[in-house]
Amino acid sequence: MKFSTQVKPISYLKSHAAEIVRDISESREPMLITQNGEAKLVVMDVRSYEEHEETLALLKLLALGHREIEQGRFRPADDVFAEMDKDDPP
């Protein structure tokens, strides 16, 4: 994803909102909006935003798990599975 191909001033956003919604919904490419020549916001479709949020949530879980491993707060998988087998009724 290259923002350089989708950079528009805020005046364009104001005057072309419906067109922007259609284009972004179809292409799923985000658009960078500038104000006074400075990047101010990113406009993206909802599906892409939701996927982005899900990806961030998974990365946070991985980072937390990695931190727990570094702190020695884990159990070997064989122990966990053995405990699960023990708790299952025959």
PDB file of N, CA and C in Angstrom:
ATOM      1  N   MET A   1       0.848  -1.163   0.000  1.00  0.00           N
ATOM      2  CA  MET A   1       0.000   0.000   0.000  1.00  0.00           C
ATOM      3  C   MET A   1       0.895   1.228   0.000  1.00  0.00           C
ATOM      4  N   LYS A   2       0.741   2.034  -1.021  1.00  0.00           N
ATOM      5  CA  LYS A   2       1.524   3.258  -1.126  1.00  0.00           C
ATOM      6  C   LYS A   2       0.593   4.445  -0.995  1.00  0.00           C
ATOM      7  N   PHE A   3       0.787   5.217   0.063  1.00  0.00           N
ATOM      8  CA  PHE A   3      -0.042   6.392   0.254  1.00  0.00           C
ATOM      9  C   PHE A   3       0.229   7.447  -0.810  1.00  0.00           C
ATOM     10  N   SER A   4       1.404   7.404  -1.416  1.00  0.00           N
ATOM     11  CA  SER A   4       1.761   8.436  -2.381  1.00  0.00           C
ATOM     12  C   SER A   4       0.828   8.479  -3.582  1.00  0.00           C
ATOM     13  N   THR A   5       0.144   7.387  -3.870  1.00  0.00           N
ATOM     14  CA  THR A   5      -0.779   7.379  -5.003  1.00  0.00           C
ATOM     15  C   THR A   5      -2.174   7.840  -4.612  1.00  0.00           C
ATOM     16  N   GLN A   6      -2.449   7.956  -3.331  1.00  0.00           N
ATOM     17  CA  GLN A   6      -3.776   8.311  -2.839  1.00  0.00           C
ATOM     18  C   GLN A   6      -3.704   9.469  -1.845  1.00  0.00           C
ATOM     19  N   VAL A   7      -3.065  10.551  -2.228  1.00  0.00           N
ATOM     20  CA  VAL A   7      -2.953  11.716  -1.354  1.00  0.00           C
ATOM     21  C   VAL A   7      -3.831  12.823  -1.914  1.00  0.00           C
ATOM     22  N   LYS A   8      -4.720  13.342  -1.076  1.00  0.00           N
ATOM     23  CA  LYS A   8      -5.640  14.398  -1.515  1.00  0.00           C
ATOM     24  C   LYS A   8      -5.737  15.452  -0.422  1.00  0.00           C
ATOM     25  N   PRO A   9      -5.945  16.700  -0.817  1.00  0.00           N
ATOM     26  CA  PRO A   9      -6.157  17.756   0.178  1.00  0.00           C
ATOM     27  C   PRO A   9      -7.560  17.661   0.768  1.00  0.00           C
ATOM     28  N   ILE A  10      -7.736  18.252   1.918  1.00  0.00           N
ATOM     29  CA  ILE A  10      -9.030  18.189   2.595  1.00  0.00           C
ATOM     30  C   ILE A  10     -10.138  18.812   1.747  1.00  0.00           C
ATOM     31  N   SER A  11      -9.804  19.791   0.921  1.00  0.00           N
ATOM     32  CA  SER A  11     -10.812  20.403   0.049  1.00  0.00           C
ATOM     33  C   SER A  11     -11.377  19.379  -0.932  1.00  0.00           C
ATOM     34  N   TYR A  12     -10.535  18.447  -1.383  1.00  0.00           N
ATOM     35  CA  TYR A  12     -11.007  17.382  -2.272  1.00  0.00           C
ATOM     36  C   TYR A  12     -11.975  16.467  -1.526  1.00  0.00           C
ATOM     37  N   LEU A  13     -11.657  16.157  -0.282  1.00  0.00           N
ATOM     38  CA  LEU A  13     -12.543  15.325   0.534  1.00  0.00           C
ATOM     39  C   LEU A  13     -13.908  15.989   0.685  1.00  0.00           C
ATOM     40  N   LYS A  14     -13.901  17.279   0.947  1.00  0.00           N
ATOM     41  CA  LYS A  14     -15.157  18.016   1.134  1.00  0.00           C
ATOM     42  C   LYS A  14     -16.018  18.018  -0.124  1.00  0.00           C
ATOM     43  N   SER A  15     -15.405  18.184  -1.267  1.00  0.00           N
ATOM     44  CA  SER A  15     -16.182  18.332  -2.503  1.00  0.00           C
ATOM     45  C   SER A  15     -16.428  17.029  -3.254  1.00  0.00           C
ATOM     46  N   HIS A  16     -15.765  15.940  -2.870  1.00  0.00           N
ATOM     47  CA  HIS A  16     -15.901  14.660  -3.584  1.00  0.00           C
ATOM     48  C   HIS A  16     -16.192  13.492  -2.648  1.00  0.00           C
ATOM     49  N   ALA A  17     -16.880  13.739  -1.553  1.00  0.00           N
ATOM     50  CA  ALA A  17     -17.082  12.701  -0.539  1.00  0.00           C
ATOM     51  C   ALA A  17     -17.718  11.434  -1.101  1.00  0.00           C
ATOM     52  N   ALA A  18     -18.798  11.557  -1.862  1.00  0.00           N
ATOM     53  CA  ALA A  18     -19.483  10.369  -2.398  1.00  0.00           C
ATOM     54  C   ALA A  18     -18.575   9.583  -3.331  1.00  0.00           C
ATOM     55  N   GLU A  19     -17.835  10.281  -4.161  1.00  0.00           N
ATOM     56  CA  GLU A  19     -16.900   9.622  -5.090  1.00  0.00           C
ATOM     57  C   GLU A  19     -15.790   8.902  -4.321  1.00  0.00           C
ATOM     58  N   ILE A  20     -15.292   9.537  -3.277  1.00  0.00           N
ATOM     59  CA  ILE A  20     -14.238   8.936  -2.460  1.00  0.00           C
ATOM     60  C   ILE A  20     -14.754   7.669  -1.789  1.00  0.00           C
ATOM     61  N   VAL A  21     -15.956   7.731  -1.239  1.00  0.00           N
ATOM     62  CA  VAL A  21     -16.547   6.547  -0.596  1.00  0.00           C
ATOM     63  C   VAL A  21     -16.645   5.409  -1.599  1.00  0.00           C
ATOM     64  N   ARG A  22     -17.133   5.693  -2.788  1.00  0.00           N
ATOM     65  CA  ARG A  22     -17.275   4.654  -3.816  1.00  0.00           C
ATOM     66  C   ARG A  22     -15.915   4.069  -4.202  1.00  0.00           C
ATOM     67  N   ASP A  23     -14.960   4.949  -4.488  1.00  0.00           N
ATOM     68  CA  ASP A  23     -13.636   4.495  -4.933  1.00  0.00           C
ATOM     69  C   ASP A  23     -12.922   3.673  -3.866  1.00  0.00           C
ATOM     70  N   ILE A  24     -12.954   4.145  -2.631  1.00  0.00           N
ATOM     71  CA  ILE A  24     -12.260   3.426  -1.556  1.00  0.00           C
ATOM     72  C   ILE A  24     -12.957   2.103  -1.262  1.00  0.00           C
ATOM     73  N   SER A  25     -14.282   2.098  -1.319  1.00  0.00           N
ATOM     74  CA  SER A  25     -15.024   0.852  -1.091  1.00  0.00           C
ATOM     75  C   SER A  25     -14.690  -0.188  -2.144  1.00  0.00           C
ATOM     76  N   GLU A  26     -14.518   0.245  -3.382  1.00  0.00           N
ATOM     77  CA  GLU A  26     -14.200  -0.687  -4.472  1.00  0.00           C
ATOM     78  C   GLU A  26     -12.744  -1.129  -4.443  1.00  0.00           C
ATOM     79  N   SER A  27     -11.847  -0.172  -4.284  1.00  0.00           N
ATOM     80  CA  SER A  27     -10.415  -0.492  -4.372  1.00  0.00           C
ATOM     81  C   SER A  27      -9.828  -1.015  -3.070  1.00  0.00           C
ATOM     82  N   ARG A  28     -10.464  -0.655  -1.941  1.00  0.00           N
ATOM     83  CA  ARG A  28      -9.980  -0.991  -0.600  1.00  0.00           C
ATOM     84  C   ARG A  28      -8.595  -0.395  -0.341  1.00  0.00           C
ATOM     85  N   GLU A  29      -8.243   0.657  -1.085  1.00  0.00           N
ATOM     86  CA  GLU A  29      -6.992   1.376  -0.870  1.00  0.00           C
ATOM     87  C   GLU A  29      -7.275   2.603  -0.020  1.00  0.00           C
ATOM     88  N   PRO A  30      -6.535   2.811   1.059  1.00  0.00           N
ATOM     89  CA  PRO A  30      -6.764   3.983   1.894  1.00  0.00           C
ATOM     90  C   PRO A  30      -6.334   5.268   1.186  1.00  0.00           C
ATOM     91  N   MET A  31      -6.858   6.375   1.656  1.00  0.00           N
ATOM     92  CA  MET A  31      -6.517   7.680   1.104  1.00  0.00           C
ATOM     93  C   MET A  31      -5.976   8.549   2.230  1.00  0.00           C
ATOM     94  N   LEU A  32      -4.874   9.214   1.963  1.00  0.00           N
ATOM     95  CA  LEU A  32      -4.265  10.134   2.912  1.00  0.00           C
ATOM     96  C   LEU A  32      -4.795  11.532   2.627  1.00  0.00           C
ATOM     97  N   ILE A  33      -5.344  12.167   3.648  1.00  0.00           N
ATOM     98  CA  ILE A  33      -5.884  13.512   3.508  1.00  0.00           C
ATOM     99  C   ILE A  33      -4.927  14.496   4.173  1.00  0.00           C
ATOM    100  N   THR A  34      -4.627  15.564   3.432  1.00  0.00           N
ATOM    101  CA  THR A  34      -3.721  16.582   3.950  1.00  0.00           C
ATOM    102  C   THR A  34      -4.480  17.873   4.252  1.00  0.00           C
ATOM    103  N   GLN A  35      -3.920  18.638   5.159  1.00  0.00           N
ATOM    104  CA  GLN A  35      -4.445  19.967   5.466  1.00  0.00           C
ATOM    105  C   GLN A  35      -3.246  20.891   5.586  1.00  0.00           C
ATOM    106  N   ASN A  36      -3.258  21.943   4.805  1.00  0.00           N
ATOM    107  CA  ASN A  36      -2.121  22.875   4.750  1.00  0.00           C
ATOM    108  C   ASN A  36      -0.817  22.141   4.443  1.00  0.00           C
ATOM    109  N   GLY A  37      -0.898  21.153   3.554  1.00  0.00           N
ATOM    110  CA  GLY A  37       0.283  20.411   3.127  1.00  0.00           C
ATOM    111  C   GLY A  37       0.790  19.371   4.110  1.00  0.00           C
ATOM    112  N   GLU A  38       0.099  19.190   5.215  1.00  0.00           N
ATOM    113  CA  GLU A  38       0.526  18.249   6.248  1.00  0.00           C
ATOM    114  C   GLU A  38      -0.462  17.085   6.335  1.00  0.00           C
ATOM    115  N   ALA A  39       0.045  15.867   6.413  1.00  0.00           N
ATOM    116  CA  ALA A  39      -0.818  14.690   6.542  1.00  0.00           C
ATOM    117  C   ALA A  39      -1.623  14.800   7.831  1.00  0.00           C
ATOM    118  N   LYS A  40      -2.956  14.626   7.711  1.00  0.00           N
ATOM    119  CA  LYS A  40      -3.829  14.772   8.872  1.00  0.00           C
ATOM    120  C   LYS A  40      -4.629  13.520   9.194  1.00  0.00           C
ATOM    121  N   LEU A  41      -5.088  12.788   8.177  1.00  0.00           N
ATOM    122  CA  LEU A  41      -5.871  11.598   8.461  1.00  0.00           C
ATOM    123  C   LEU A  41      -5.825  10.629   7.300  1.00  0.00           C
ATOM    124  N   VAL A  42      -6.248   9.414   7.604  1.00  0.00           N
ATOM    125  CA  VAL A  42      -6.333   8.358   6.607  1.00  0.00           C
ATOM    126  C   VAL A  42      -7.787   7.924   6.534  1.00  0.00           C
ATOM    127  N   VAL A  43      -8.300   7.848   5.313  1.00  0.00           N
ATOM    128  CA  VAL A  43      -9.665   7.391   5.099  1.00  0.00           C
ATOM    129  C   VAL A  43      -9.579   5.987   4.510  1.00  0.00           C
ATOM    130  N   MET A  44     -10.321   5.061   5.121  1.00  0.00           N
ATOM    131  CA  MET A  44     -10.302   3.684   4.618  1.00  0.00           C
ATOM    132  C   MET A  44     -11.690   3.072   4.749  1.00  0.00           C
ATOM    133  N   ASP A  45     -11.936   1.990   4.006  1.00  0.00           N
ATOM    134  CA  ASP A  45     -13.226   1.319   4.087  1.00  0.00           C
ATOM    135  C   ASP A  45     -13.325   0.523   5.385  1.00  0.00           C
ATOM    136  N   VAL A  46     -14.545   0.271   5.788  1.00  0.00           N
ATOM    137  CA  VAL A  46     -14.794  -0.381   7.078  1.00  0.00           C
ATOM    138  C   VAL A  46     -14.198  -1.786   7.119  1.00  0.00           C
ATOM    139  N   ARG A  47     -14.336  -2.546   6.054  1.00  0.00           N
ATOM    140  CA  ARG A  47     -13.815  -3.917   6.045  1.00  0.00           C
ATOM    141  C   ARG A  47     -12.300  -3.925   6.252  1.00  0.00           C
ATOM    142  N   SER A  48     -11.605  -3.020   5.583  1.00  0.00           N
ATOM    143  CA  SER A  48     -10.153  -2.933   5.769  1.00  0.00           C
ATOM    144  C   SER A  48      -9.805  -2.521   7.189  1.00  0.00           C
ATOM    145  N   TYR A  49     -10.580  -1.579   7.742  1.00  0.00           N
ATOM    146  CA  TYR A  49     -10.353  -1.139   9.113  1.00  0.00           C
ATOM    147  C   TYR A  49     -10.537  -2.293  10.096  1.00  0.00           C
ATOM    148  N   GLU A  50     -11.607  -3.060   9.921  1.00  0.00           N
ATOM    149  CA  GLU A  50     -11.862  -4.199  10.809  1.00  0.00           C
ATOM    150  C   GLU A  50     -10.748  -5.228  10.705  1.00  0.00           C
ATOM    151  N   GLU A  51     -10.289  -5.509   9.488  1.00  0.00           N
ATOM    152  CA  GLU A  51      -9.179  -6.462   9.312  1.00  0.00           C
ATOM    153  C   GLU A  51      -7.917  -5.941   9.978  1.00  0.00           C
ATOM    154  N   HIS A  52      -7.689  -4.644   9.857  1.00  0.00           N
ATOM    155  CA  HIS A  52      -6.524  -4.018  10.485  1.00  0.00           C
ATOM    156  C   HIS A  52      -6.597  -4.169  12.008  1.00  0.00           C
ATOM    157  N   GLU A  53      -7.758  -3.907  12.579  1.00  0.00           N
ATOM    158  CA  GLU A  53      -7.938  -4.030  14.022  1.00  0.00           C
ATOM    159  C   GLU A  53      -7.762  -5.474  14.490  1.00  0.00           C
ATOM    160  N   GLU A  54      -8.275  -6.430  13.727  1.00  0.00           N
ATOM    161  CA  GLU A  54      -8.100  -7.845  14.071  1.00  0.00           C
ATOM    162  C   GLU A  54      -6.626  -8.229  14.034  1.00  0.00           C
ATOM    163  N   THR A  55      -5.914  -7.739  13.036  1.00  0.00           N
ATOM    164  CA  THR A  55      -4.482  -8.016  12.932  1.00  0.00           C
ATOM    165  C   THR A  55      -3.733  -7.444  14.128  1.00  0.00           C
ATOM    166  N   LEU A  56      -4.063  -6.214  14.510  1.00  0.00           N
ATOM    167  CA  LEU A  56      -3.416  -5.606  15.675  1.00  0.00           C
ATOM    168  C   LEU A  56      -3.705  -6.395  16.945  1.00  0.00           C
ATOM    169  N   ALA A  57      -4.945  -6.859  17.096  1.00  0.00           N
ATOM    170  CA  ALA A  57      -5.300  -7.648  18.280  1.00  0.00           C
ATOM    171  C   ALA A  57      -4.484  -8.934  18.337  1.00  0.00           C
ATOM    172  N   LEU A  58      -4.328  -9.603  17.203  1.00  0.00           N
ATOM    173  CA  LEU A  58      -3.529 -10.834  17.169  1.00  0.00           C
ATOM    174  C   LEU A  58      -2.067 -10.554  17.482  1.00  0.00           C
ATOM    175  N   LEU A  59      -1.544  -9.459  16.943  1.00  0.00           N
ATOM    176  CA  LEU A  59      -0.152  -9.104  17.230  1.00  0.00           C
ATOM    177  C   LEU A  59       0.045  -8.794  18.716  1.00  0.00           C
ATOM    178  N   LYS A  60      -0.933  -8.157  19.331  1.00  0.00           N
ATOM    179  CA  LYS A  60      -0.847  -7.885  20.770  1.00  0.00           C
ATOM    180  C   LYS A  60      -0.837  -9.180  21.566  1.00  0.00           C
ATOM    181  N   LEU A  61      -1.694 -10.144  21.169  1.00  0.00           N
ATOM    182  CA  LEU A  61      -1.704 -11.440  21.851  1.00  0.00           C
ATOM    183  C   LEU A  61      -0.357 -12.143  21.719  1.00  0.00           C
ATOM    184  N   LEU A  62       0.215 -12.090  20.523  1.00  0.00           N
ATOM    185  CA  LEU A  62       1.530 -12.715  20.320  1.00  0.00           C
ATOM    186  C   LEU A  62       2.597 -12.033  21.168  1.00  0.00           C
ATOM    187  N   ALA A  63       2.553 -10.706  21.233  1.00  0.00           N
ATOM    188  CA  ALA A  63       3.534  -9.971  22.038  1.00  0.00           C
ATOM    189  C   ALA A  63       3.379 -10.306  23.524  1.00  0.00           C
ATOM    190  N   LEU A  64       2.132 -10.391  23.995  1.00  0.00           N
ATOM    191  CA  LEU A  64       1.908 -10.762  25.395  1.00  0.00           C
ATOM    192  C   LEU A  64       2.415 -12.172  25.681  1.00  0.00           C
ATOM    193  N   GLY A  65       2.143 -13.094  24.764  1.00  0.00           N
ATOM    194  CA  GLY A  65       2.625 -14.460  24.936  1.00  0.00           C
ATOM    195  C   GLY A  65       4.139 -14.526  24.952  1.00  0.00           C
ATOM    196  N   HIS A  66       4.757 -13.769  24.071  1.00  0.00           N
ATOM    197  CA  HIS A  66       6.223 -13.733  24.018  1.00  0.00           C
ATOM    198  C   HIS A  66       6.781 -13.183  25.331  1.00  0.00           C
ATOM    199  N   ARG A  67       6.147 -12.144  25.856  1.00  0.00           N
ATOM    200  CA  ARG A  67       6.596 -11.550  27.115  1.00  0.00           C
ATOM    201  C   ARG A  67       6.473 -12.558  28.254  1.00  0.00           C
ATOM    202  N   GLU A  68       5.374 -13.308  28.283  1.00  0.00           N
ATOM    203  CA  GLU A  68       5.202 -14.309  29.337  1.00  0.00           C
ATOM    204  C   GLU A  68       6.255 -15.403  29.235  1.00  0.00           C
ATOM    205  N   ILE A  69       6.584 -15.805  28.022  1.00  0.00           N
ATOM    206  CA  ILE A  69       7.641 -16.813  27.836  1.00  0.00           C
ATOM    207  C   ILE A  69       8.965 -16.269  28.350  1.00  0.00           C
ATOM    208  N   GLU A  70       9.279 -15.010  28.003  1.00  0.00           N
ATOM    209  CA  GLU A  70      10.526 -14.405  28.481  1.00  0.00           C
ATOM    210  C   GLU A  70      10.588 -14.345  30.006  1.00  0.00           C
ATOM    211  N   GLN A  71       9.421 -14.177  30.647  1.00  0.00           N
ATOM    212  CA  GLN A  71       9.363 -14.097  32.103  1.00  0.00           C
ATOM    213  C   GLN A  71       9.252 -15.475  32.746  1.00  0.00           C
ATOM    214  N   GLY A  72       9.272 -16.522  31.937  1.00  0.00           N
ATOM    215  CA  GLY A  72       9.222 -17.880  32.462  1.00  0.00           C
ATOM    216  C   GLY A  72       7.840 -18.315  32.898  1.00  0.00           C
ATOM    217  N   ARG A  73       6.820 -17.604  32.475  1.00  0.00           N
ATOM    218  CA  ARG A  73       5.452 -17.944  32.881  1.00  0.00           C
ATOM    219  C   ARG A  73       4.794 -18.785  31.787  1.00  0.00           C
ATOM    220  N   PHE A  74       5.198 -20.051  31.739  1.00  0.00           N
ATOM    221  CA  PHE A  74       4.616 -20.981  30.768  1.00  0.00           C
ATOM    222  C   PHE A  74       4.756 -22.399  31.294  1.00  0.00           C
ATOM    223  N   ARG A  75       4.005 -23.313  30.651  1.00  0.00           N
ATOM    224  CA  ARG A  75       4.113 -24.735  30.983  1.00  0.00           C
ATOM    225  C   ARG A  75       4.352 -25.497  29.695  1.00  0.00           C
ATOM    226  N   PRO A  76       5.076 -26.585  29.773  1.00  0.00           N
ATOM    227  CA  PRO A  76       5.277 -27.399  28.572  1.00  0.00           C
ATOM    228  C   PRO A  76       3.933 -27.913  28.044  1.00  0.00           C
ATOM    229  N   ALA A  77       3.798 -27.976  26.738  1.00  0.00           N
ATOM    230  CA  ALA A  77       2.553 -28.415  26.107  1.00  0.00           C
ATOM    231  C   ALA A  77       2.176 -29.823  26.538  1.00  0.00           C
ATOM    232  N   ASP A  78       3.155 -30.706  26.724  1.00  0.00           N
ATOM    233  CA  ASP A  78       2.856 -32.082  27.156  1.00  0.00           C
ATOM    234  C   ASP A  78       2.128 -32.087  28.503  1.00  0.00           C
ATOM    235  N   ASP A  79       2.526 -31.193  29.405  1.00  0.00           N
ATOM    236  CA  ASP A  79       1.858 -31.108  30.707  1.00  0.00           C
ATOM    237  C   ASP A  79       0.413 -30.647  30.553  1.00  0.00           C
ATOM    238  N   VAL A  80       0.195 -29.669  29.710  1.00  0.00           N
ATOM    239  CA  VAL A  80      -1.162 -29.147  29.500  1.00  0.00           C
ATOM    240  C   VAL A  80      -2.057 -30.221  28.904  1.00  0.00           C
ATOM    241  N   PHE A  81      -1.556 -30.927  27.884  1.00  0.00           N
ATOM    242  CA  PHE A  81      -2.364 -31.975  27.249  1.00  0.00           C
ATOM    243  C   PHE A  81      -2.623 -33.139  28.202  1.00  0.00           C
ATOM    244  N   ALA A  82      -1.636 -33.473  29.005  1.00  0.00           N
ATOM    245  CA  ALA A  82      -1.832 -34.549  29.984  1.00  0.00           C
ATOM    246  C   ALA A  82      -2.907 -34.150  30.984  1.00  0.00           C
ATOM    247  N   GLU A  83      -2.904 -32.913  31.409  1.00  0.00           N
ATOM    248  CA  GLU A  83      -3.931 -32.434  32.337  1.00  0.00           C
ATOM    249  C   GLU A  83      -5.307 -32.449  31.678  1.00  0.00           C
ATOM    250  N   MET A  84      -5.374 -32.097  30.423  1.00  0.00           N
ATOM    251  CA  MET A  84      -6.653 -32.114  29.705  1.00  0.00           C
ATOM    252  C   MET A  84      -7.183 -33.535  29.587  1.00  0.00           C
ATOM    253  N   ASP A  85      -6.302 -34.479  29.290  1.00  0.00           N
ATOM    254  CA  ASP A  85      -6.693 -35.889  29.177  1.00  0.00           C
ATOM    255  C   ASP A  85      -7.196 -36.410  30.516  1.00  0.00           C
ATOM    256  N   LYS A  86      -6.555 -35.986  31.583  1.00  0.00           N
ATOM    257  CA  LYS A  86      -6.920 -36.424  32.925  1.00  0.00           C
ATOM    258  C   LYS A  86      -8.325 -35.905  33.294  1.00  0.00           C
ATOM    259  N   ASP A  87      -8.654 -34.694  32.871  1.00  0.00           N
ATOM    260  CA  ASP A  87      -9.937 -34.093  33.208  1.00  0.00           C
ATOM    261  C   ASP A  87     -11.094 -34.602  32.341  1.00  0.00           C
ATOM    262  N   ASP A  88     -10.802 -35.221  31.207  1.00  0.00           N
ATOM    263  CA  ASP A  88     -11.869 -35.743  30.342  1.00  0.00           C
ATOM    264  C   ASP A  88     -12.500 -36.988  30.958  1.00  0.00           C
ATOM    265  N   PRO A  89     -13.830 -37.042  31.046  1.00  0.00           N
ATOM    266  CA  PRO A  89     -14.471 -38.260  31.570  1.00  0.00           C
ATOM    267  C   PRO A  89     -14.314 -39.405  30.561  1.00  0.00           C
ATOM    268  N   PRO A  90     -14.257 -40.621  31.059  1.00  0.00           N
ATOM    269  CA  PRO A  90     -14.041 -41.785  30.163  1.00  0.00           C
ATOM    270  C   PRO A  90     -15.211 -42.038  29.253  1.00  0.00           C
TER     271      PRO A  90
END
